[in-house]
């Protein structure tokens, strides 16, 4: 059985990933202090997918393509808020939890009578 994803959610995730990629590859003035946090967010979006839609939307709605001074201010403010809301090391905590989880293998056998 294949899980079907909601198109809006995928689009939101893609937009957030694209904005983070743009910020990492072409950071605006003053964004240097947020680079490591932006890398962490990018890693989460690509590999772990733990961010809620609300947070993805906050990232996706940023104007990262040729931002003007007002847009840069909004980007910097939003990253400060995200860092405060999530915690600067939130992904490390998630990785620790995932590392401590043990995998289980369940074997099921079905008896079929003829």
N, C-alpha and C. Protein backbone atom coordinates (compact mmCIF):
# COMPACT_ATOMS: atom_id res chain seq x y z
N UNK A 1 0.84 -1.17 0.00
CA UNK A 1 0.00 0.00 0.00
C UNK A 1 0.89 1.24 0.00
N UNK A 2 0.60 2.16 -0.86
CA UNK A 2 1.40 3.37 -0.98
C UNK A 2 0.66 4.52 -0.28
N UNK A 3 1.42 5.30 0.50
CA UNK A 3 0.84 6.42 1.22
C UNK A 3 0.77 7.61 0.27
N UNK A 4 -0.39 8.21 0.20
CA UNK A 4 -0.59 9.35 -0.68
C UNK A 4 -0.41 10.63 0.14
N UNK A 5 0.41 11.54 -0.37
CA UNK A 5 0.64 12.80 0.33
C UNK A 5 -0.27 13.88 -0.22
N UNK A 6 -0.61 14.81 0.64
CA UNK A 6 -1.43 15.94 0.24
C UNK A 6 -0.57 16.89 -0.59
N UNK A 7 -1.02 17.28 -1.79
CA UNK A 7 -0.21 18.13 -2.66
C UNK A 7 0.24 19.43 -2.00
N UNK A 8 -0.62 20.06 -1.21
CA UNK A 8 -0.27 21.30 -0.55
C UNK A 8 0.89 21.14 0.41
N UNK A 9 0.92 20.02 1.11
CA UNK A 9 1.98 19.77 2.08
C UNK A 9 3.32 19.58 1.37
N UNK A 10 3.32 18.88 0.26
CA UNK A 10 4.55 18.68 -0.50
C UNK A 10 5.04 20.01 -1.05
N UNK A 11 4.13 20.79 -1.58
CA UNK A 11 4.48 22.09 -2.12
C UNK A 11 5.05 22.99 -1.02
N UNK A 12 4.45 22.96 0.15
CA UNK A 12 4.93 23.75 1.28
C UNK A 12 6.33 23.32 1.68
N UNK A 13 6.55 22.02 1.74
CA UNK A 13 7.87 21.49 2.07
C UNK A 13 8.90 21.89 1.01
N UNK A 14 8.53 21.80 -0.24
CA UNK A 14 9.44 22.19 -1.34
C UNK A 14 9.79 23.67 -1.28
N UNK A 15 8.79 24.50 -1.02
CA UNK A 15 9.04 25.94 -0.95
C UNK A 15 9.95 26.27 0.22
N UNK A 16 9.73 25.63 1.36
CA UNK A 16 10.59 25.86 2.53
C UNK A 16 12.02 25.41 2.23
N UNK A 17 12.16 24.23 1.61
CA UNK A 17 13.49 23.72 1.27
C UNK A 17 14.19 24.67 0.28
N UNK A 18 13.46 25.14 -0.71
CA UNK A 18 14.04 26.06 -1.70
C UNK A 18 14.47 27.37 -1.05
N UNK A 19 13.66 27.90 -0.14
CA UNK A 19 14.03 29.14 0.54
C UNK A 19 15.27 28.94 1.41
N UNK A 20 15.33 27.82 2.12
CA UNK A 20 16.52 27.54 2.93
C UNK A 20 17.75 27.38 2.05
N UNK A 21 17.60 26.69 0.94
CA UNK A 21 18.72 26.51 0.01
C UNK A 21 19.21 27.86 -0.51
N UNK A 22 18.27 28.74 -0.86
CA UNK A 22 18.63 30.08 -1.34
C UNK A 22 19.38 30.85 -0.26
N UNK A 23 18.87 30.80 0.97
CA UNK A 23 19.52 31.53 2.08
C UNK A 23 20.91 30.98 2.37
N UNK A 24 21.08 29.68 2.24
CA UNK A 24 22.39 29.08 2.51
C UNK A 24 23.40 29.38 1.41
N UNK A 25 22.94 29.39 0.17
CA UNK A 25 23.85 29.62 -0.96
C UNK A 25 24.07 31.09 -1.28
N UNK A 26 23.15 31.94 -0.88
CA UNK A 26 23.26 33.37 -1.14
C UNK A 26 22.71 34.13 0.06
N UNK A 27 23.40 34.06 1.19
CA UNK A 27 22.87 34.68 2.41
C UNK A 27 22.81 36.20 2.31
N UNK A 28 21.69 36.78 2.78
CA UNK A 28 21.60 38.24 2.79
C UNK A 28 22.50 38.84 3.86
N UNK A 29 22.68 40.14 3.79
CA UNK A 29 23.52 40.85 4.76
C UNK A 29 22.97 40.62 6.16
N UNK A 30 23.84 40.23 7.09
CA UNK A 30 23.45 40.03 8.48
C UNK A 30 22.96 38.63 8.79
N UNK A 31 22.89 37.76 7.79
CA UNK A 31 22.35 36.42 8.00
C UNK A 31 23.41 35.44 8.52
N UNK A 32 24.66 35.87 8.56
CA UNK A 32 25.76 34.99 8.97
C UNK A 32 25.51 34.30 10.31
N UNK A 33 24.91 35.01 11.24
CA UNK A 33 24.68 34.43 12.58
C UNK A 33 23.62 33.34 12.57
N UNK A 34 22.88 33.22 11.48
CA UNK A 34 21.82 32.21 11.38
C UNK A 34 22.18 31.04 10.46
N UNK A 35 23.38 31.06 9.90
CA UNK A 35 23.75 30.03 8.91
C UNK A 35 23.70 28.61 9.48
N UNK A 36 24.25 28.40 10.67
CA UNK A 36 24.25 27.04 11.22
C UNK A 36 22.83 26.58 11.53
N UNK A 37 21.99 27.48 12.01
CA UNK A 37 20.60 27.12 12.29
C UNK A 37 19.85 26.82 10.99
N UNK A 38 20.13 27.61 9.94
CA UNK A 38 19.51 27.37 8.63
C UNK A 38 19.94 26.02 8.07
N UNK A 39 21.21 25.65 8.27
CA UNK A 39 21.68 24.31 7.84
C UNK A 39 20.92 23.21 8.57
N UNK A 40 20.69 23.43 9.87
CA UNK A 40 19.97 22.45 10.68
C UNK A 40 18.52 22.32 10.18
N UNK A 41 17.88 23.44 9.89
CA UNK A 41 16.52 23.41 9.36
C UNK A 41 16.48 22.69 8.02
N UNK A 42 17.47 22.97 7.16
CA UNK A 42 17.53 22.33 5.85
C UNK A 42 17.68 20.81 6.01
N UNK A 43 18.57 20.39 6.91
CA UNK A 43 18.77 18.96 7.15
C UNK A 43 17.48 18.31 7.64
N UNK A 44 16.77 19.01 8.50
CA UNK A 44 15.51 18.48 9.01
C UNK A 44 14.49 18.33 7.89
N UNK A 45 14.35 19.34 7.06
CA UNK A 45 13.38 19.30 5.96
C UNK A 45 13.71 18.17 4.99
N UNK A 46 14.97 17.98 4.71
CA UNK A 46 15.38 16.98 3.72
C UNK A 46 15.38 15.56 4.31
N UNK A 47 15.94 15.39 5.52
CA UNK A 47 16.17 14.04 6.04
C UNK A 47 15.18 13.57 7.11
N UNK A 48 14.74 14.45 7.98
CA UNK A 48 13.97 14.01 9.15
C UNK A 48 12.49 14.35 9.09
N UNK A 49 12.14 15.46 8.46
CA UNK A 49 10.75 15.87 8.27
C UNK A 49 9.97 15.96 9.59
N UNK A 50 10.59 16.60 10.59
CA UNK A 50 9.92 16.74 11.89
C UNK A 50 9.22 18.08 12.07
N UNK A 51 9.46 19.02 11.17
CA UNK A 51 8.88 20.35 11.33
C UNK A 51 7.39 20.35 10.99
N UNK A 52 6.59 20.98 11.85
CA UNK A 52 5.15 21.05 11.55
C UNK A 52 4.88 22.00 10.38
N UNK A 53 3.70 21.88 9.78
CA UNK A 53 3.33 22.71 8.64
C UNK A 53 3.41 24.19 8.97
N UNK A 54 3.04 24.56 10.19
CA UNK A 54 3.09 25.96 10.60
C UNK A 54 4.50 26.52 10.45
N UNK A 55 5.50 25.76 10.90
CA UNK A 55 6.89 26.20 10.81
C UNK A 55 7.36 26.20 9.36
N UNK A 56 7.00 25.17 8.61
CA UNK A 56 7.35 25.14 7.18
C UNK A 56 6.76 26.34 6.45
N UNK A 57 5.54 26.70 6.81
CA UNK A 57 4.88 27.84 6.17
C UNK A 57 5.62 29.14 6.50
N UNK A 58 6.08 29.25 7.74
CA UNK A 58 6.83 30.45 8.13
C UNK A 58 8.09 30.60 7.28
N UNK A 59 8.75 29.49 7.00
CA UNK A 59 9.96 29.52 6.18
C UNK A 59 9.61 29.73 4.71
N UNK A 60 8.57 29.03 4.24
CA UNK A 60 8.18 29.10 2.83
C UNK A 60 7.69 30.49 2.43
N UNK A 61 7.13 31.23 3.36
CA UNK A 61 6.57 32.54 3.03
C UNK A 61 7.60 33.67 3.03
N UNK A 62 8.85 33.36 3.34
CA UNK A 62 9.89 34.39 3.33
C UNK A 62 10.25 34.75 1.89
N UNK A 63 10.53 36.02 1.65
CA UNK A 63 10.93 36.49 0.33
C UNK A 63 12.45 36.41 0.24
N UNK A 64 12.96 35.33 -0.34
CA UNK A 64 14.40 35.10 -0.39
C UNK A 64 15.01 35.42 -1.76
N UNK A 65 14.18 35.63 -2.77
CA UNK A 65 14.69 35.92 -4.11
C UNK A 65 14.84 37.43 -4.24
N UNK A 66 16.08 37.89 -4.31
CA UNK A 66 16.41 39.31 -4.41
C UNK A 66 15.67 40.13 -3.36
N UNK A 67 15.87 39.80 -2.08
CA UNK A 67 15.13 40.51 -1.04
C UNK A 67 15.59 41.96 -0.89
N UNK A 68 14.63 42.83 -0.62
CA UNK A 68 14.97 44.22 -0.35
C UNK A 68 15.27 44.36 1.15
N UNK A 69 15.53 45.57 1.58
CA UNK A 69 15.90 45.79 2.98
C UNK A 69 14.81 45.35 3.95
N UNK A 70 13.56 45.60 3.58
CA UNK A 70 12.42 45.20 4.43
C UNK A 70 12.33 43.67 4.52
N UNK A 71 12.51 42.99 3.38
CA UNK A 71 12.45 41.52 3.36
C UNK A 71 13.59 40.91 4.16
N UNK A 72 14.77 41.51 4.07
CA UNK A 72 15.92 41.01 4.84
C UNK A 72 15.63 41.14 6.33
N UNK A 73 15.05 42.27 6.72
CA UNK A 73 14.68 42.46 8.13
C UNK A 73 13.69 41.41 8.59
N UNK A 74 12.72 41.08 7.73
CA UNK A 74 11.73 40.06 8.08
C UNK A 74 12.39 38.69 8.19
N UNK A 75 13.31 38.39 7.30
CA UNK A 75 14.03 37.10 7.33
C UNK A 75 14.80 36.97 8.65
N UNK A 76 15.53 38.01 8.99
CA UNK A 76 16.34 37.97 10.22
C UNK A 76 15.45 37.85 11.46
N UNK A 77 14.35 38.59 11.49
CA UNK A 77 13.41 38.52 12.61
C UNK A 77 12.79 37.13 12.71
N UNK A 78 12.39 36.58 11.58
CA UNK A 78 11.74 35.26 11.58
C UNK A 78 12.71 34.18 12.05
N UNK A 79 13.96 34.27 11.65
CA UNK A 79 14.94 33.26 12.10
C UNK A 79 15.22 33.39 13.59
N UNK A 80 15.21 34.60 14.11
CA UNK A 80 15.35 34.77 15.57
C UNK A 80 14.19 34.11 16.29
N UNK A 81 12.98 34.34 15.78
CA UNK A 81 11.78 33.74 16.39
C UNK A 81 11.82 32.21 16.30
N UNK A 82 12.20 31.69 15.13
CA UNK A 82 12.28 30.24 14.95
C UNK A 82 13.29 29.63 15.92
N UNK A 83 14.43 30.28 16.05
CA UNK A 83 15.48 29.79 16.95
C UNK A 83 14.98 29.78 18.40
N UNK A 84 14.24 30.82 18.78
CA UNK A 84 13.68 30.88 20.13
C UNK A 84 12.58 29.85 20.32
N UNK A 85 11.72 29.67 19.32
CA UNK A 85 10.59 28.74 19.42
C UNK A 85 11.05 27.28 19.43
N UNK A 86 11.96 26.93 18.53
CA UNK A 86 12.39 25.54 18.39
C UNK A 86 13.55 25.19 19.31
N UNK A 87 14.39 26.15 19.56
CA UNK A 87 15.64 25.90 20.29
C UNK A 87 16.76 25.77 19.28
N UNK A 88 17.90 26.35 19.60
CA UNK A 88 19.02 26.37 18.67
C UNK A 88 19.56 24.98 18.36
N UNK A 89 19.30 24.01 19.24
CA UNK A 89 19.83 22.66 19.05
C UNK A 89 18.71 21.61 19.00
N UNK A 90 17.53 22.01 18.53
CA UNK A 90 16.38 21.10 18.56
C UNK A 90 16.62 19.81 17.77
N UNK A 91 17.31 19.89 16.66
CA UNK A 91 17.52 18.69 15.83
C UNK A 91 18.47 17.71 16.51
N UNK A 92 19.43 18.21 17.26
CA UNK A 92 20.33 17.32 18.01
C UNK A 92 19.55 16.48 19.00
N UNK A 93 18.57 17.08 19.66
CA UNK A 93 17.73 16.35 20.61
C UNK A 93 16.92 15.27 19.90
N UNK A 94 16.41 15.59 18.73
CA UNK A 94 15.64 14.62 17.96
C UNK A 94 16.54 13.46 17.52
N UNK A 95 17.75 13.78 17.09
CA UNK A 95 18.69 12.74 16.68
C UNK A 95 19.04 11.82 17.85
N UNK A 96 19.18 12.39 19.04
CA UNK A 96 19.48 11.57 20.21
C UNK A 96 18.33 10.62 20.51
N UNK A 97 17.11 11.11 20.41
CA UNK A 97 15.94 10.27 20.65
C UNK A 97 15.88 9.14 19.62
N UNK A 98 16.13 9.49 18.37
CA UNK A 98 16.09 8.48 17.31
C UNK A 98 17.19 7.45 17.48
N UNK A 99 18.35 7.89 17.95
CA UNK A 99 19.47 6.99 18.16
C UNK A 99 19.23 6.01 19.29
N UNK A 100 18.43 6.42 20.27
CA UNK A 100 18.18 5.54 21.40
C UNK A 100 17.03 4.57 21.16
N UNK A 101 16.30 4.77 20.08
CA UNK A 101 15.19 3.86 19.77
C UNK A 101 15.75 2.58 19.17
N UNK A 102 15.19 1.49 19.59
CA UNK A 102 15.62 0.21 19.06
C UNK A 102 14.65 -0.24 17.98
N UNK A 103 15.19 -0.84 16.96
CA UNK A 103 14.35 -1.37 15.90
C UNK A 103 13.83 -2.73 16.30
N UNK A 104 12.62 -3.01 15.91
CA UNK A 104 12.04 -4.31 16.17
C UNK A 104 11.61 -4.93 14.85
N UNK A 105 11.80 -6.20 14.75
CA UNK A 105 11.35 -6.94 13.58
C UNK A 105 10.23 -7.85 14.02
N UNK A 106 9.10 -7.73 13.36
CA UNK A 106 7.95 -8.57 13.69
C UNK A 106 7.76 -9.54 12.53
N UNK A 107 7.74 -10.82 12.87
CA UNK A 107 7.54 -11.83 11.87
C UNK A 107 6.14 -12.40 12.07
N UNK A 108 5.36 -12.38 11.01
CA UNK A 108 4.00 -12.89 11.09
C UNK A 108 3.87 -14.09 10.15
N UNK A 109 3.23 -15.12 10.64
CA UNK A 109 3.02 -16.32 9.83
C UNK A 109 1.52 -16.57 9.78
N UNK A 110 1.04 -16.79 8.58
CA UNK A 110 -0.38 -17.04 8.42
C UNK A 110 -0.57 -18.52 8.08
N UNK A 111 -1.38 -19.17 8.85
CA UNK A 111 -1.69 -20.57 8.57
C UNK A 111 -2.86 -20.62 7.59
N UNK A 112 -2.63 -21.25 6.48
CA UNK A 112 -3.67 -21.34 5.46
C UNK A 112 -4.09 -22.80 5.38
N UNK A 113 -5.37 -23.03 5.49
CA UNK A 113 -5.91 -24.38 5.40
C UNK A 113 -6.50 -24.61 4.02
N UNK A 114 -6.22 -25.77 3.48
CA UNK A 114 -6.75 -26.09 2.15
C UNK A 114 -8.08 -26.76 2.22
